[in-house]
Protein backbone atom coordinates (compact mmCIF):
# COMPACT_ATOMS: atom_id res chain seq x y z
CA MET A 1 129.52 91.46 102.19
CA PRO A 2 127.95 88.00 103.32
CA VAL A 3 131.27 86.77 104.71
CA LEU A 4 131.94 89.94 106.70
CA VAL A 5 128.30 89.65 108.23
CA ARG A 6 128.82 86.21 109.49
CA LYS A 7 132.44 86.94 110.66
CA PRO A 8 132.98 90.65 111.35
CA GLY A 9 136.40 89.97 112.70
CA ALA A 10 137.65 89.60 108.98
CA LEU A 11 137.34 93.22 108.52
CA ARG A 12 140.19 93.78 111.34
CA ASN A 13 142.15 90.57 110.31
CA GLY A 14 141.52 89.93 106.67
CA ALA A 15 144.23 90.58 103.99
CA PRO A 16 141.92 92.21 101.76
CA PHE A 17 140.83 94.73 104.27
CA LYS A 18 144.31 95.75 105.78
CA ASP A 19 145.05 98.68 103.48
CA TRP A 20 141.52 99.34 102.51
CA MET A 21 141.20 102.95 102.05
CA LEU A 22 137.36 104.20 102.78
CA PRO A 23 136.08 107.53 102.03
CA GLY A 24 136.74 110.05 104.73
CA ALA A 25 133.67 109.85 106.83
CA LEU A 26 133.67 106.05 106.80
CA GLU A 27 137.38 106.01 107.57
CA ARG A 28 136.90 108.44 110.42
CA VAL A 29 134.01 106.31 111.76
CA ARG A 30 135.87 103.12 111.25
CA ARG A 31 138.94 104.57 113.44
CA LYS A 32 136.58 105.56 116.32
CA LEU A 33 134.80 102.20 116.27
CA ALA A 34 138.27 100.23 116.39
CA GLY A 35 138.50 101.17 120.17
CA SER A 36 135.11 99.34 121.11
CA ASN A 37 134.37 95.80 121.95
CA ASP A 38 131.69 95.45 118.91
CA GLY A 39 133.44 97.74 116.62
CA ASP A 40 133.79 95.29 113.98
CA ARG A 41 130.14 94.17 113.90
CA GLN A 42 129.10 97.97 113.86
CA MET A 43 131.21 98.84 110.94
CA VAL A 44 129.88 95.66 109.00
CA ALA A 45 126.46 96.92 109.75
CA ILE A 46 127.44 100.24 108.30
CA LEU A 47 129.11 98.86 105.39
CA ALA A 48 126.21 96.48 104.75
CA ALA A 49 123.89 99.73 104.27
CA VAL A 50 126.09 100.89 101.17
CA LEU A 51 124.46 97.88 99.34
CA THR A 52 120.74 99.23 99.90
CA ASP A 53 121.39 103.14 100.24
CA GLY A 54 124.56 103.65 98.23
CA LEU A 55 128.07 104.94 99.23
CA GLY A 56 127.13 108.63 99.11
CA GLU A 57 124.13 108.38 101.33
CA VAL A 58 126.16 106.10 103.84
CA GLU A 59 128.92 108.62 103.60
CA ALA A 60 126.74 111.63 104.34
CA ALA A 61 125.01 109.87 107.21
CA CYS A 62 128.47 109.02 108.84
CA ALA A 63 129.36 112.92 108.32
CA GLY A 64 126.26 113.65 110.10
CA ALA A 65 126.48 111.50 112.85
CA LEU A 66 130.47 112.70 113.53
CA ALA A 67 129.19 116.11 113.30
CA GLU A 68 126.89 115.35 116.46
CA GLY A 69 129.83 113.67 118.08
CA VAL A 70 128.23 110.06 117.59
CA SER A 71 130.03 107.01 115.85
CA SER A 72 127.45 104.22 116.59
CA ALA A 73 126.10 102.11 113.78
CA ASP A 74 122.57 102.39 115.37
CA VAL A 75 122.75 106.10 114.97
CA ILE A 76 123.82 105.88 111.45
CA LEU A 77 121.44 103.58 110.18
CA ASN A 78 118.92 105.60 112.03
CA ILE A 79 119.89 108.65 109.95
CA LEU A 80 119.65 106.56 106.77
CA ALA A 81 116.35 105.16 107.59
CA ARG A 82 114.91 108.69 108.44
CA ARG A 83 116.28 109.96 104.95
CA ARG A 84 114.66 106.80 103.33
CA ASP A 85 111.24 107.52 104.63
CA PRO A 86 108.95 110.04 103.25
CA PRO A 87 108.41 113.22 105.35
CA PRO A 88 104.67 113.14 107.09
CA VAL A 89 101.76 114.14 105.07
CA ALA A 90 100.33 117.66 105.79
CA ALA A 91 97.19 117.58 107.58
CA ILE A 92 94.08 118.36 105.45
CA LEU A 93 92.00 121.03 107.03
CA THR A 94 87.91 120.23 106.90
CA PRO A 95 85.96 122.94 105.05
CA ALA A 96 83.23 124.55 107.08
CA ALA A 97 80.73 123.10 104.91
CA LEU A 98 81.68 119.59 105.62
CA ALA A 99 81.74 120.06 109.57
CA LEU A 100 79.65 118.13 111.43
CA ARG A 101 76.53 119.96 112.98
CA HIS A 102 75.36 117.00 115.37
CA ALA A 103 77.90 114.85 116.94
CA PRO A 104 77.16 111.36 116.52
CA VAL A 105 75.91 109.50 119.64
CA ALA A 106 77.34 106.07 120.17
CA ASP A 107 74.41 103.75 121.02
CA CYS A 108 75.72 100.19 121.48
CA ALA A 109 72.41 98.87 122.46
CA ARG A 110 71.73 98.54 118.73
CA TYR A 111 74.09 95.44 118.79
CA ASP A 112 71.73 93.71 120.88
CA THR A 113 69.05 93.62 118.45
CA LEU A 114 71.43 91.74 116.12
CA ARG A 115 71.45 88.52 118.76
CA ARG A 116 68.83 85.89 118.26
CA PRO A 117 66.84 85.46 121.37
């Protein structure tokens, strides 16, 4: 992967990658990206995500992006990031017994007493 990151054209022209069979969704993304100018670079970014997220997760993200009609590396990496992040925490309701009866009053003049005359 480090060589591909430095030289993404090797993905298209390198001998080890000529007859490389990728799992279904990854192969479809590779074919779609082959027509764009930076398709090799985008495909390398997707393949680099396999090292951190695993092949199954990356393939599922590719399948999700293809289902939406998109094959961009940015979208696929975004899907992976959203799956990696935990869901937002539910809001905690304040019990009535803990609710403020009197709203605090902001008095910035108190800070003037901290200055030495």
